[in-house]
């Protein structure tokens, strides 16, 4: 069995500390650290032999040695002042790179926060867990009514905010997507029907030696890539084919007919003489 090791010292880099809270309980000094990368740590140390060490650490954070807590402004996402009869509370939302935060609005205090550290001065709240879509920490402290009004006024905070109900953009997205799919399905079915009908007609006429010749005086619809356009004149269709806009398997249908013929039979027909 391995021996239990005793930690003789623990040093914390003050440059990485975003928030620090301490509380003395008789002979024990409880410490909670929130770091700028979003990690946390908490530990207990003997109070008497660590008093000077704690004051030295406070001096590196540029704070009064008589204080027991500090929050660096760089990690503060925002604050919300809450009046919950008969008390007043201050929520300080802590932000770090890489963490996804909840919306900063009037519903912040109603989120499912879990207390992960508590002292007589403050509570450390955690929302979610590391790796989840939303994960962050908040500091909740109780303040007096006078302090609440003074802090709101001094900070020029937005007063009496009301959260708007969340929008539902996906509802309209799904509806529009369904409409597009239905229209696309109808178009594919309609195109497939007339394509097979044209092929069946050509197969039935395979034994007849009479070729199908396009009428140059009639405009034609063009079917390509399951899309129908037109009507175009034969001259326009020939120009489109010369310009590389049409494929060899493109089908054409006379404006006054329901039968589809190959593009080649349209553009190869003799042009009527100009009178």
Protein backbone atom coordinates (compact mmCIF):
# COMPACT_ATOMS: atom_id res chain seq x y z
CA UNK A 1 0.00 0.00 0.00
CA UNK A 2 1.38 3.39 -0.99
CA UNK A 3 2.00 5.92 1.73
CA UNK A 4 -0.17 9.03 2.05
CA UNK A 5 1.92 11.99 0.97
CA UNK A 6 1.77 15.32 2.77
CA UNK A 7 1.80 18.50 0.68
CA UNK A 8 4.26 20.93 2.22
CA UNK A 9 3.49 23.95 0.04
CA UNK A 10 1.21 25.23 -2.74
CA UNK A 11 1.99 28.27 -4.87
CA UNK A 12 -0.59 29.99 -7.09
CA UNK A 13 0.39 32.31 -9.92
CA UNK A 14 -1.54 35.57 -9.26
CA UNK A 15 -1.45 36.44 -12.98
CA UNK A 16 -3.75 33.49 -13.68
CA UNK A 17 -6.28 34.31 -10.95
CA UNK A 18 -9.55 35.88 -12.10
CA UNK A 19 -11.41 35.67 -8.79
CA UNK A 20 -10.36 34.76 -5.26
CA UNK A 21 -12.49 34.12 -2.18
CA UNK A 22 -11.31 33.20 1.30
CA UNK A 23 -13.05 32.46 4.57
CA UNK A 24 -11.65 31.74 8.00
CA UNK A 25 -13.35 29.04 10.04
CA UNK A 26 -11.68 28.90 13.47
CA UNK A 27 -8.22 27.47 12.75
CA UNK A 28 -8.83 26.83 9.06
CA UNK A 29 -8.59 29.19 6.10
CA UNK A 30 -10.74 28.08 3.15
CA UNK A 31 -9.69 29.28 -0.30
CA UNK A 32 -11.50 29.28 -3.66
CA UNK A 33 -9.68 30.30 -6.87
CA UNK A 34 -11.26 30.99 -10.26
CA UNK A 35 -8.59 31.13 -12.97
CA UNK A 36 -8.62 33.10 -16.20
CA UNK A 37 -8.78 29.88 -18.26
CA UNK A 38 -12.05 28.82 -16.58
CA UNK A 39 -10.59 26.25 -14.18
CA UNK A 40 -11.19 26.36 -10.44
CA UNK A 41 -9.51 25.06 -7.32
CA UNK A 42 -10.39 25.07 -3.64
CA UNK A 43 -8.37 24.01 -0.66
CA UNK A 44 -7.98 24.51 3.11
CA UNK A 45 -4.83 25.67 4.92
CA UNK A 46 -4.03 26.25 8.59
CA UNK A 47 -5.10 29.83 9.32
CA UNK A 48 -2.40 30.98 11.75
CA UNK A 49 0.65 29.87 9.80
CA UNK A 50 -0.78 31.12 6.48
CA UNK A 51 -2.06 34.57 7.46
CA UNK A 52 1.12 36.34 6.34
CA UNK A 53 1.29 34.23 3.20
CA UNK A 54 -2.29 35.18 2.30
CA UNK A 55 -1.56 38.88 2.87
CA UNK A 56 1.47 38.57 0.60
CA UNK A 57 -0.67 36.93 -2.07
CA UNK A 58 -3.28 39.69 -1.74
CA UNK A 59 -0.55 42.28 -2.29
CA UNK A 60 0.31 40.69 -5.63
CA UNK A 61 -3.34 41.05 -6.63
CA UNK A 62 -3.16 44.76 -5.71
CA UNK A 63 -5.91 44.62 -3.14
CA UNK A 64 -6.32 45.55 0.49
CA UNK A 65 -4.83 42.90 2.77
CA UNK A 66 -7.89 43.13 5.01
CA UNK A 67 -10.21 42.03 2.19
CA UNK A 68 -11.23 38.42 1.77
CA UNK A 69 -12.24 38.40 -1.91
CA UNK A 70 -11.39 39.93 -5.28
CA UNK A 71 -12.82 39.66 -8.82
CA UNK A 72 -10.64 40.83 -11.70
CA UNK A 73 -12.60 43.03 -14.14
CA UNK A 74 -11.23 41.18 -17.18
CA UNK A 75 -13.23 38.05 -16.34
CA UNK A 76 -16.53 39.81 -15.58
CA UNK A 77 -19.08 39.23 -18.34
CA UNK A 78 -21.77 41.23 -16.58
CA UNK A 79 -23.69 41.74 -13.36
CA UNK A 80 -27.37 41.50 -12.53
CA UNK A 81 -29.02 42.96 -9.45
CA UNK A 82 -31.96 40.96 -8.15
CA UNK A 83 -34.65 41.88 -5.64
CA UNK A 84 -36.19 38.75 -4.19
CA UNK A 85 -38.37 39.58 -1.20
CA UNK A 86 -37.09 40.43 1.27
CA UNK A 87 -33.45 40.24 0.08
CA UNK A 88 -31.26 41.81 -2.59
CA UNK A 89 -28.67 39.78 -4.49
CA UNK A 90 -25.82 40.50 -6.86
CA UNK A 91 -24.91 37.95 -9.56
CA UNK A 92 -21.51 38.41 -11.22
CA UNK A 93 -21.17 36.29 -14.36
CA UNK A 94 -17.56 35.21 -15.02
CA UNK A 95 -16.32 34.84 -18.58
CA UNK A 96 -13.27 33.02 -19.91
CA UNK A 97 -12.01 32.20 -23.42
CA UNK A 98 -13.46 28.96 -24.75
CA UNK A 99 -16.51 28.91 -22.48
CA UNK A 100 -20.01 29.28 -23.93
CA UNK A 101 -22.08 31.58 -21.72
CA UNK A 102 -25.85 31.80 -21.26
CA UNK A 103 -27.64 34.90 -22.59
CA UNK A 104 -27.09 37.87 -20.30
CA UNK A 105 -30.65 38.94 -19.58
CA UNK A 106 -33.21 39.15 -16.78
CA UNK A 107 -33.57 35.33 -16.67
CA UNK A 108 -29.97 34.80 -15.57
CA UNK A 109 -30.84 34.26 -11.90
CA UNK A 110 -33.48 31.63 -12.79
CA UNK A 111 -31.05 29.30 -14.54
CA UNK A 112 -30.27 25.90 -12.92
CA UNK A 113 -27.16 27.05 -11.05
CA UNK A 114 -25.45 24.63 -8.67
CA UNK A 115 -23.49 25.81 -5.66
CA UNK A 116 -19.93 24.51 -5.77
CA UNK A 117 -18.48 26.68 -2.96
CA UNK A 118 -20.03 28.76 -0.21
CA UNK A 119 -18.80 31.12 2.44
CA UNK A 120 -20.48 33.65 4.71
CA UNK A 121 -19.72 36.33 2.14
CA UNK A 122 -20.47 34.72 -1.21
CA UNK A 123 -21.59 31.65 -3.14
CA UNK A 124 -19.74 30.26 -6.15
CA UNK A 125 -22.31 29.01 -8.67
CA UNK A 126 -21.65 26.72 -11.63
CA UNK A 127 -23.86 26.26 -14.68
CA UNK A 128 -23.36 23.08 -16.70
CA UNK A 129 -20.20 21.02 -16.73
CA UNK A 130 -16.89 21.28 -18.60
CA UNK A 131 -17.36 20.16 -22.19
CA UNK A 132 -21.08 20.94 -22.27
CA UNK A 133 -22.63 23.46 -24.67
CA UNK A 134 -22.94 26.05 -21.89
CA UNK A 135 -20.55 26.14 -18.95
CA UNK A 136 -19.66 29.06 -16.72
CA UNK A 137 -19.37 30.31 -13.17
CA UNK A 138 -21.08 33.13 -11.31
CA UNK A 139 -20.60 34.80 -7.94
CA UNK A 140 -23.72 35.45 -5.88
CA UNK A 141 -23.52 37.83 -2.94
CA UNK A 142 -26.24 39.27 -0.74
CA UNK A 143 -26.32 43.06 -0.55
CA UNK A 144 -28.46 45.60 1.26
CA UNK A 145 -31.25 47.52 -0.43
CA UNK A 146 -29.28 50.77 -0.18
CA UNK A 147 -26.21 49.14 -1.73
CA UNK A 148 -28.34 47.69 -4.52
CA UNK A 149 -29.76 51.09 -5.50
CA UNK A 150 -26.36 52.75 -5.16
CA UNK A 151 -24.55 50.15 -7.27
CA UNK A 152 -27.21 50.26 -10.00
CA UNK A 153 -26.96 54.05 -10.11
CA UNK A 154 -23.16 54.25 -9.96
CA UNK A 155 -22.70 51.61 -12.66
CA UNK A 156 -25.42 53.17 -14.87
CA UNK A 157 -26.86 49.70 -15.29
CA UNK A 158 -30.00 49.04 -17.34
CA UNK A 159 -32.92 49.28 -14.91
CA UNK A 160 -35.96 47.00 -14.68
CA UNK A 161 -35.03 44.70 -17.59
CA UNK A 162 -37.58 42.19 -18.90
CA UNK A 163 -36.53 39.20 -21.00
CA UNK A 164 -38.25 38.73 -24.34
CA UNK A 165 -39.69 35.29 -25.18
CA UNK A 166 -37.27 33.26 -27.33
CA UNK A 167 -37.94 33.24 -31.05
CA UNK A 168 -38.62 30.00 -32.91
CA UNK A 169 -36.83 30.39 -36.24
CA UNK A 170 -36.66 26.65 -36.83
CA UNK A 171 -40.43 26.39 -37.09
CA UNK A 172 -40.54 28.52 -40.24
CA UNK A 173 -37.37 26.89 -41.54
CA UNK A 174 -38.93 23.44 -41.35
CA UNK A 175 -42.15 24.70 -42.98
CA UNK A 176 -40.29 26.29 -45.89
CA UNK A 177 -38.14 23.20 -46.29
CA UNK A 178 -41.23 20.99 -46.45
CA UNK A 179 -42.80 23.21 -49.12
CA UNK A 180 -39.62 23.12 -51.21
CA UNK A 181 -39.43 19.32 -50.95
CA UNK A 182 -43.07 18.93 -52.01
CA UNK A 183 -42.64 21.23 -55.02
CA UNK A 184 -39.40 19.49 -55.98
CA UNK A 185 -41.07 16.10 -55.71
CA UNK A 186 -43.96 17.18 -57.94
CA UNK A 187 -41.56 18.62 -60.50
CA UNK A 188 -39.49 15.42 -60.60
CA UNK A 189 -42.61 13.26 -60.90
CA UNK A 190 -44.02 15.44 -63.69
CA UNK A 191 -40.72 15.47 -65.59
CA UNK A 192 -40.25 11.73 -65.18
CA UNK A 193 -43.78 11.06 -66.43
CA UNK A 194 -43.32 13.04 -69.63
CA UNK A 195 -39.82 11.66 -70.18
CA UNK A 196 -41.08 8.07 -70.00
CA UNK A 197 -44.04 9.00 -72.12
CA UNK A 198 -41.72 10.47 -74.76
CA UNK A 199 -39.53 7.37 -74.67
CA UNK A 200 -42.57 5.11 -75.00
CA UNK A 201 -43.79 7.11 -77.96
CA UNK A 202 -40.40 6.86 -79.67
CA UNK A 203 -40.29 3.10 -79.00
CA UNK A 204 -43.76 2.64 -80.50
CA UNK A 205 -42.74 4.57 -83.59
CA UNK A 206 -39.43 2.74 -83.98
CA UNK A 207 -40.87 0.56 -86.75
CA UNK A 208 -42.20 3.49 -88.74
CA UNK A 209 -39.62 4.80 -91.20
CA UNK A 210 -41.00 8.33 -91.13
CA UNK A 211 -38.64 10.67 -89.20
CA UNK A 212 -39.92 13.33 -86.87
CA UNK A 213 -39.02 16.74 -88.29
CA UNK A 214 -39.37 19.90 -86.25
CA UNK A 215 -41.59 22.71 -87.47
CA UNK A 216 -39.42 25.84 -87.83
CA UNK A 217 -42.44 28.12 -87.49
CA UNK A 218 -43.34 26.82 -84.00
CA UNK A 219 -41.72 27.73 -80.68
CA UNK A 220 -40.47 24.93 -78.43
CA UNK A 221 -40.13 24.24 -74.72
CA UNK A 222 -36.74 22.90 -73.59
CA UNK A 223 -36.32 20.12 -70.98
CA UNK A 224 -32.81 19.89 -69.51
CA UNK A 225 -31.58 18.77 -66.07
CA UNK A 226 -35.21 18.15 -65.03
CA UNK A 227 -36.07 21.80 -65.65
CA UNK A 228 -38.39 23.15 -68.34
CA UNK A 229 -37.87 26.57 -69.91
CA UNK A 230 -39.17 28.45 -72.93
CA UNK A 231 -40.85 28.60 -75.28
CA UNK A 232 -38.00 29.53 -77.67
CA UNK A 233 -37.82 29.84 -81.42
CA UNK A 234 -35.80 27.23 -83.32
CA UNK A 235 -33.22 29.91 -84.13
CA UNK A 236 -32.82 30.73 -80.44
CA UNK A 237 -32.49 27.04 -79.53
CA UNK A 238 -29.82 26.60 -82.19
CA UNK A 239 -27.92 29.59 -80.81
CA UNK A 240 -28.13 28.15 -77.29
CA UNK A 241 -26.78 24.84 -78.55
CA UNK A 242 -23.93 26.55 -80.41
CA UNK A 243 -23.05 28.48 -77.26
CA UNK A 244 -22.76 25.24 -75.26
CA UNK A 245 -25.84 25.93 -73.12
CA UNK A 246 -27.61 22.70 -74.14
CA UNK A 247 -26.68 19.04 -73.86
CA UNK A 248 -27.04 16.33 -76.48
CA UNK A 249 -29.77 14.64 -74.41
CA UNK A 250 -31.88 17.79 -74.16
CA UNK A 251 -35.53 17.27 -75.14
CA UNK A 252 -37.84 19.74 -76.87
CA UNK A 253 -41.64 19.98 -77.09
CA UNK A 254 -43.60 22.10 -79.52
CA UNK A 255 -45.75 24.78 -77.96
CA UNK A 256 -48.91 23.15 -79.34
CA UNK A 257 -47.91 19.53 -78.65
CA UNK A 258 -47.47 17.13 -75.73
CA UNK A 259 -44.75 15.01 -77.34
CA UNK A 260 -41.05 15.47 -76.64
CA UNK A 261 -38.40 15.09 -79.35
CA UNK A 262 -34.62 15.13 -79.25
CA UNK A 263 -32.79 18.44 -79.57
CA UNK A 264 -31.01 17.24 -82.72
CA UNK A 265 -34.32 16.87 -84.58
CA UNK A 266 -35.17 20.49 -83.85
CA UNK A 267 -31.94 22.20 -84.82
CA UNK A 268 -31.35 19.89 -87.85
CA UNK A 269 -34.65 20.73 -89.52
CA UNK A 270 -34.41 22.87 -92.67
CA UNK A 271 -35.13 26.55 -92.18
CA UNK A 272 -38.08 27.78 -94.30
CA UNK A 273 -37.13 30.27 -97.03
CA UNK A 274 -37.63 33.93 -96.29
CA UNK A 275 -40.31 35.39 -98.55
